[in-house]
Amino acid sequence: MKKVGVLSLQGDFAAHGAALQRAGAEPVYVRHADELAGLDGLVIPGGESTTMLKLLRYDGLMEPLAEFARRKPVFGTCAGAILMATEVSAPAQESLGLMDMAVERNGYGRQVDSRVTSIKPEPDFERRTAPGKLEAVFIRAPIIRRVGAGARILARYGGDPVLVEQGPHLAATFHPELSADLRVHRLFLEKL
């Protein structure tokens, strides 16, 4: 069974752990750099990206996470997707720069603008998983404003990319861990 770390500094890391377990992986909750050893991949959950950055710096995790991502797949959701981008705006902030994409924080609006909707994934996603719409939970979600040539868009909402992959990495601006549909997590597990 694959061991997948779930960064557990802030955000709904327990929901990711439960989704990974249902998808057939063993979740390992990561709070310190030494806990990255022996993992097959890592999930960076949603939460508040500014707070997560402060905690990553405080706990000395920025460089260990970047080093881990050079060798292993990483999946970021919502704030995790922000931390994976090469460019962050509204306001600009530091990131891990793991995927060639530009992300605007809180792009869909404030907390009251959060929503649950269904999205039709791209044919490539359905071919690799299963056909059908995805339930997408957007909570103060970022918008992916630009996707580099090396990245592939797997799903859109309102024309904007919301699920993107680049090499071994995967980023979602929504929260697949809050849905019963495990296709996004299973797709990530296939990268391990």
C-alpha atoms as a PDB file:
ATOM      1  CA  MET A   1       0.000   0.000   0.000  1.00  0.00           C
ATOM      2  CA  LYS A   2       1.347   3.420  -0.995  1.00  0.00           C
ATOM      3  CA  LYS A   3       2.122   5.866   1.825  1.00  0.00           C
ATOM      4  CA  VAL A   4       0.923   9.382   1.073  1.00  0.00           C
ATOM      5  CA  GLY A   5       1.799  12.290   3.304  1.00  0.00           C
ATOM      6  CA  VAL A   6      -0.811  14.916   4.107  1.00  0.00           C
ATOM      7  CA  LEU A   7       0.678  18.226   5.209  1.00  0.00           C
ATOM      8  CA  SER A   8      -1.043  18.774   8.543  1.00  0.00           C
ATOM      9  CA  LEU A   9      -0.140  22.275   9.643  1.00  0.00           C
ATOM     10  CA  GLN A  10      -3.505  23.876   8.888  1.00  0.00           C
ATOM     11  CA  GLY A  11      -6.613  23.203   6.808  1.00  0.00           C
ATOM     12  CA  ASP A  12      -8.819  20.147   6.415  1.00  0.00           C
ATOM     13  CA  PHE A  13      -6.044  17.572   6.297  1.00  0.00           C
ATOM     14  CA  ALA A  14      -8.181  14.890   8.013  1.00  0.00           C
ATOM     15  CA  ALA A  15     -10.669  14.873   5.085  1.00  0.00           C
ATOM     16  CA  HIS A  16      -7.783  14.244   2.668  1.00  0.00           C
ATOM     17  CA  GLY A  17      -6.529  11.450   4.890  1.00  0.00           C
ATOM     18  CA  ALA A  18      -9.953   9.814   4.854  1.00  0.00           C
ATOM     19  CA  ALA A  19     -10.260  10.184   1.052  1.00  0.00           C
ATOM     20  CA  LEU A  20      -6.794   8.701   0.517  1.00  0.00           C
ATOM     21  CA  GLN A  21      -7.660   5.782   2.769  1.00  0.00           C
ATOM     22  CA  ARG A  22     -10.916   5.137   0.847  1.00  0.00           C
ATOM     23  CA  ALA A  23      -8.926   5.332  -2.414  1.00  0.00           C
ATOM     24  CA  GLY A  24      -6.515   2.630  -1.197  1.00  0.00           C
ATOM     25  CA  ALA A  25      -3.523   4.506   0.225  1.00  0.00           C
ATOM     26  CA  GLU A  26      -2.128   4.852   3.718  1.00  0.00           C
ATOM     27  CA  PRO A  27      -2.258   8.508   4.856  1.00  0.00           C
ATOM     28  CA  VAL A  28       0.635   9.814   6.959  1.00  0.00           C
ATOM     29  CA  TYR A  29       0.097  13.172   8.654  1.00  0.00           C
ATOM     30  CA  VAL A  30       3.181  15.363   8.143  1.00  0.00           C
ATOM     31  CA  ARG A  31       4.141  18.202  10.486  1.00  0.00           C
ATOM     32  CA  HIS A  32       7.954  17.962  10.411  1.00  0.00           C
ATOM     33  CA  ALA A  33      10.539  17.542   7.638  1.00  0.00           C
ATOM     34  CA  ASP A  34      11.759  14.157   8.894  1.00  0.00           C
ATOM     35  CA  GLU A  35       8.234  12.753   8.379  1.00  0.00           C
ATOM     36  CA  LEU A  36       8.650  13.104   4.592  1.00  0.00           C
ATOM     37  CA  ALA A  37      11.085  10.162   4.524  1.00  0.00           C
ATOM     38  CA  GLY A  38       9.623   7.002   3.032  1.00  0.00           C
ATOM     39  CA  LEU A  39       6.553   8.668   1.522  1.00  0.00           C
ATOM     40  CA  ASP A  40       5.436   7.943  -2.042  1.00  0.00           C
ATOM     41  CA  GLY A  41       3.691  11.320  -2.502  1.00  0.00           C
ATOM     42  CA  LEU A  42       2.311  14.306  -0.608  1.00  0.00           C
ATOM     43  CA  VAL A  43      -0.960  16.233  -0.436  1.00  0.00           C
ATOM     44  CA  ILE A  44      -0.951  19.931   0.429  1.00  0.00           C
ATOM     45  CA  PRO A  45      -4.527  20.611   1.570  1.00  0.00           C
ATOM     46  CA  GLY A  46      -6.665  23.708   1.419  1.00  0.00           C
ATOM     47  CA  GLY A  47      -6.630  26.246   4.217  1.00  0.00           C
ATOM     48  CA  GLU A  48      -5.262  29.773   4.229  1.00  0.00           C
ATOM     49  CA  SER A  49      -2.138  30.082   2.091  1.00  0.00           C
ATOM     50  CA  THR A  50      -0.618  33.017   4.010  1.00  0.00           C
ATOM     51  CA  THR A  51      -0.968  31.148   7.306  1.00  0.00           C
ATOM     52  CA  MET A  52       0.411  27.976   5.718  1.00  0.00           C
ATOM     53  CA  LEU A  53       3.441  29.886   4.417  1.00  0.00           C
ATOM     54  CA  LYS A  54       4.146  31.286   7.879  1.00  0.00           C
ATOM     55  CA  LEU A  55       3.909  27.814   9.413  1.00  0.00           C
ATOM     56  CA  LEU A  56       6.087  26.285   6.663  1.00  0.00           C
ATOM     57  CA  ARG A  57       8.773  28.884   7.327  1.00  0.00           C
ATOM     58  CA  TYR A  58       8.455  28.580  11.111  1.00  0.00           C
ATOM     59  CA  ASP A  59       8.760  24.778  10.971  1.00  0.00           C
ATOM     60  CA  GLY A  60      11.593  24.880   8.398  1.00  0.00           C
ATOM     61  CA  LEU A  61       9.564  22.975   5.799  1.00  0.00           C
ATOM     62  CA  MET A  62       9.885  25.155   2.670  1.00  0.00           C
ATOM     63  CA  GLU A  63      13.143  23.676   1.354  1.00  0.00           C
ATOM     64  CA  PRO A  64      12.380  20.074   2.447  1.00  0.00           C
ATOM     65  CA  LEU A  65       9.023  20.262   0.620  1.00  0.00           C
ATOM     66  CA  ALA A  66      10.649  21.680  -2.510  1.00  0.00           C
ATOM     67  CA  GLU A  67      13.299  18.932  -2.375  1.00  0.00           C
ATOM     68  CA  PHE A  68      10.625  16.247  -1.868  1.00  0.00           C
ATOM     69  CA  ALA A  69       8.684  17.587  -4.888  1.00  0.00           C
ATOM     70  CA  ARG A  70      11.767  17.277  -7.099  1.00  0.00           C
ATOM     71  CA  ARG A  71      11.608  13.510  -6.517  1.00  0.00           C
ATOM     72  CA  LYS A  72       7.976  12.652  -5.753  1.00  0.00           C
ATOM     73  CA  PRO A  73       4.426  13.632  -6.810  1.00  0.00           C
ATOM     74  CA  VAL A  74       2.609  16.408  -4.941  1.00  0.00           C
ATOM     75  CA  PHE A  75      -1.133  17.179  -5.039  1.00  0.00           C
ATOM     76  CA  GLY A  76      -2.299  20.613  -3.890  1.00  0.00           C
ATOM     77  CA  THR A  77      -5.914  21.631  -3.355  1.00  0.00           C
ATOM     78  CA  CYS A  78      -7.131  25.239  -3.019  1.00  0.00           C
ATOM     79  CA  ALA A  79      -4.444  26.862  -0.816  1.00  0.00           C
ATOM     80  CA  GLY A  80      -2.208  23.918  -1.725  1.00  0.00           C
ATOM     81  CA  ALA A  81      -2.641  24.809  -5.418  1.00  0.00           C
ATOM     82  CA  ILE A  82      -1.648  28.389  -4.594  1.00  0.00           C
ATOM     83  CA  LEU A  83       1.522  27.152  -2.891  1.00  0.00           C
ATOM     84  CA  MET A  84       2.377  25.018  -5.946  1.00  0.00           C
ATOM     85  CA  ALA A  85       2.095  27.864  -8.498  1.00  0.00           C
ATOM     86  CA  THR A  86       5.050  29.738  -9.954  1.00  0.00           C
ATOM     87  CA  GLU A  87       3.134  33.032  -9.772  1.00  0.00           C
ATOM     88  CA  VAL A  88       0.639  34.190  -7.114  1.00  0.00           C
ATOM     89  CA  SER A  89      -1.382  37.416  -7.148  1.00  0.00           C
ATOM     90  CA  ALA A  90      -4.004  39.313  -5.094  1.00  0.00           C
ATOM     91  CA  PRO A  91      -1.669  39.834  -3.282  1.00  0.00           C
ATOM     92  CA  ALA A  92       1.608  38.448  -4.576  1.00  0.00           C
ATOM     93  CA  GLN A  93       3.257  35.968  -2.228  1.00  0.00           C
ATOM     94  CA  GLU A  94       5.998  33.386  -2.057  1.00  0.00           C
ATOM     95  CA  SER A  95       5.267  29.863  -3.266  1.00  0.00           C
ATOM     96  CA  LEU A  96       7.003  26.553  -3.865  1.00  0.00           C
ATOM     97  CA  GLY A  97       6.918  27.099  -7.652  1.00  0.00           C
ATOM     98  CA  LEU A  98       6.234  23.449  -8.498  1.00  0.00           C
ATOM     99  CA  MET A  99       3.873  24.013 -11.441  1.00  0.00           C
ATOM    100  CA  ASP A 100       4.034  26.550 -14.271  1.00  0.00           C
ATOM    101  CA  MET A 101       0.807  28.394 -13.552  1.00  0.00           C
ATOM    102  CA  ALA A 102      -0.356  31.786 -12.309  1.00  0.00           C
ATOM    103  CA  VAL A 103      -2.963  31.753  -9.541  1.00  0.00           C
ATOM    104  CA  GLU A 104      -5.108  34.585  -8.201  1.00  0.00           C
ATOM    105  CA  ARG A 105      -5.975  34.114  -4.529  1.00  0.00           C
ATOM    106  CA  ASN A 106      -9.704  34.221  -3.624  1.00  0.00           C
ATOM    107  CA  GLY A 107     -10.432  34.708  -7.330  1.00  0.00           C
ATOM    108  CA  TYR A 108     -14.054  33.588  -7.086  1.00  0.00           C
ATOM    109  CA  GLY A 109     -14.796  35.946  -4.198  1.00  0.00           C
ATOM    110  CA  ARG A 110     -15.184  35.883  -0.453  1.00  0.00           C
ATOM    111  CA  GLN A 111     -16.501  33.152   1.858  1.00  0.00           C
ATOM    112  CA  VAL A 112     -20.126  34.005   0.987  1.00  0.00           C
ATOM    113  CA  ASP A 113     -19.298  33.314  -2.674  1.00  0.00           C
ATOM    114  CA  SER A 114     -18.283  29.715  -1.919  1.00  0.00           C
ATOM    115  CA  ARG A 115     -20.297  27.072  -3.767  1.00  0.00           C
ATOM    116  CA  VAL A 116     -20.813  23.410  -4.606  1.00  0.00           C
ATOM    117  CA  THR A 117     -21.324  22.690  -8.292  1.00  0.00           C
ATOM    118  CA  SER A 118     -20.868  19.983 -10.920  1.00  0.00           C
ATOM    119  CA  ILE A 119     -18.182  20.299 -13.568  1.00  0.00           C
ATOM    120  CA  LYS A 120     -17.602  18.308 -16.728  1.00  0.00           C
ATOM    121  CA  PRO A 121     -13.965  17.156 -16.793  1.00  0.00           C
ATOM    122  CA  GLU A 122     -11.894  17.137 -19.960  1.00  0.00           C
ATOM    123  CA  PRO A 123     -12.001  13.918 -22.033  1.00  0.00           C
ATOM    124  CA  ASP A 124      -8.435  13.044 -20.957  1.00  0.00           C
ATOM    125  CA  PHE A 125      -9.480  12.966 -17.286  1.00  0.00           C
ATOM    126  CA  GLU A 126     -12.524  10.803 -18.034  1.00  0.00           C
ATOM    127  CA  ARG A 127     -10.454   8.454 -20.194  1.00  0.00           C
ATOM    128  CA  ARG A 128      -7.979   7.948 -17.352  1.00  0.00           C
ATOM    129  CA  THR A 129     -10.572   7.636 -14.569  1.00  0.00           C
ATOM    130  CA  ALA A 130     -14.261   7.210 -15.424  1.00  0.00           C
ATOM    131  CA  PRO A 131     -16.855   9.254 -17.300  1.00  0.00           C
ATOM    132  CA  GLY A 132     -19.214  11.650 -15.575  1.00  0.00           C
ATOM    133  CA  LYS A 133     -19.368  15.040 -13.941  1.00  0.00           C
ATOM    134  CA  LEU A 134     -17.295  15.907 -10.883  1.00  0.00           C
ATOM    135  CA  GLU A 135     -18.737  17.501  -7.778  1.00  0.00           C
ATOM    136  CA  ALA A 136     -16.596  20.571  -7.105  1.00  0.00           C
ATOM    137  CA  VAL A 137     -16.617  22.311  -3.730  1.00  0.00           C
ATOM    138  CA  PHE A 138     -15.191  25.844  -4.044  1.00  0.00           C
ATOM    139  CA  ILE A 139     -14.388  27.596  -0.733  1.00  0.00           C
ATOM    140  CA  ARG A 140     -12.787  31.047  -1.162  1.00  0.00           C
ATOM    141  CA  ALA A 141     -11.196  29.385  -4.159  1.00  0.00           C
ATOM    142  CA  PRO A 142      -8.313  30.699  -6.224  1.00  0.00           C
ATOM    143  CA  ILE A 143      -8.540  31.067 -10.005  1.00  0.00           C
ATOM    144  CA  ILE A 144      -5.822  29.696 -12.246  1.00  0.00           C
ATOM    145  CA  ARG A 145      -5.189  32.613 -14.620  1.00  0.00           C
ATOM    146  CA  ARG A 146      -2.398  31.081 -16.709  1.00  0.00           C
ATOM    147  CA  VAL A 147      -1.226  27.542 -17.384  1.00  0.00           C
ATOM    148  CA  GLY A 148       2.226  26.998 -18.890  1.00  0.00           C
ATOM    149  CA  ALA A 149       2.932  24.895 -21.972  1.00  0.00           C
ATOM    150  CA  GLY A 150       4.159  21.954 -19.869  1.00  0.00           C
ATOM    151  CA  ALA A 151       0.889  21.664 -17.929  1.00  0.00           C
ATOM    152  CA  ARG A 152      -2.344  19.936 -18.915  1.00  0.00           C
ATOM    153  CA  ILE A 153      -5.841  21.156 -17.980  1.00  0.00           C
ATOM    154  CA  LEU A 154      -8.043  18.284 -16.777  1.00  0.00           C
ATOM    155  CA  ALA A 155     -11.168  20.255 -15.792  1.00  0.00           C
ATOM    156  CA  ARG A 156     -12.595  23.763 -16.110  1.00  0.00           C
ATOM    157  CA  TYR A 157     -15.272  25.800 -14.382  1.00  0.00           C
ATOM    158  CA  GLY A 158     -16.714  28.817 -16.159  1.00  0.00           C
ATOM    159  CA  GLY A 159     -13.895  28.525 -18.690  1.00  0.00           C
ATOM    160  CA  ASP A 160     -11.146  28.711 -16.045  1.00  0.00           C
ATOM    161  CA  PRO A 161      -8.835  25.752 -15.335  1.00  0.00           C
ATOM    162  CA  VAL A 162      -9.658  24.147 -11.961  1.00  0.00           C
ATOM    163  CA  LEU A 163      -7.757  20.839 -12.211  1.00  0.00           C
ATOM    164  CA  VAL A 164      -4.279  20.886 -13.740  1.00  0.00           C
ATOM    165  CA  GLU A 165      -1.393  18.429 -13.913  1.00  0.00           C
ATOM    166  CA  GLN A 166       2.235  18.936 -14.778  1.00  0.00           C
ATOM    167  CA  GLY A 167       4.526  15.940 -14.789  1.00  0.00           C
ATOM    168  CA  PRO A 168       4.022  14.109 -11.493  1.00  0.00           C
ATOM    169  CA  HIS A 169       2.142  17.003  -9.852  1.00  0.00           C
ATOM    170  CA  LEU A 170      -1.577  17.748  -9.621  1.00  0.00           C
ATOM    171  CA  ALA A 171      -3.407  20.903  -8.491  1.00  0.00           C
ATOM    172  CA  ALA A 172      -7.115  21.573  -7.903  1.00  0.00           C
ATOM    173  CA  THR A 173      -8.690  24.888  -6.965  1.00  0.00           C
ATOM    174  CA  PHE A 174     -11.651  22.998  -5.479  1.00  0.00           C
ATOM    175  CA  HIS A 175     -11.855  20.466  -2.624  1.00  0.00           C
ATOM    176  CA  PRO A 176     -12.208  16.889  -3.962  1.00  0.00           C
ATOM    177  CA  GLU A 177     -11.701  15.572  -0.414  1.00  0.00           C
ATOM    178  CA  LEU A 178     -15.152  16.964   0.492  1.00  0.00           C
ATOM    179  CA  SER A 179     -16.875  14.866  -2.176  1.00  0.00           C
ATOM    180  CA  ALA A 180     -17.704  11.157  -2.217  1.00  0.00           C
ATOM    181  CA  ASP A 181     -16.169  10.972  -5.730  1.00  0.00           C
ATOM    182  CA  LEU A 182     -12.626   9.567  -5.398  1.00  0.00           C
ATOM    183  CA  ARG A 183     -11.536   9.946  -9.042  1.00  0.00           C
ATOM    184  CA  VAL A 184      -9.216  12.916  -8.410  1.00  0.00           C
ATOM    185  CA  HIS A 185      -7.468  11.187  -5.496  1.00  0.00           C
ATOM    186  CA  ARG A 186      -7.205   7.939  -7.477  1.00  0.00           C
ATOM    187  CA  LEU A 187      -5.678   9.837 -10.394  1.00  0.00           C
ATOM    188  CA  PHE A 188      -3.073  11.227  -8.012  1.00  0.00           C
ATOM    189  CA  LEU A 189      -2.359   7.750  -6.625  1.00  0.00           C
ATOM    190  CA  GLU A 190      -1.662   6.523 -10.166  1.00  0.00           C
ATOM    191  CA  LYS A 191       1.245   9.011 -10.295  1.00  0.00           C
ATOM    192  CA  LEU A 192       2.997   7.359  -7.324  1.00  0.00           C
END
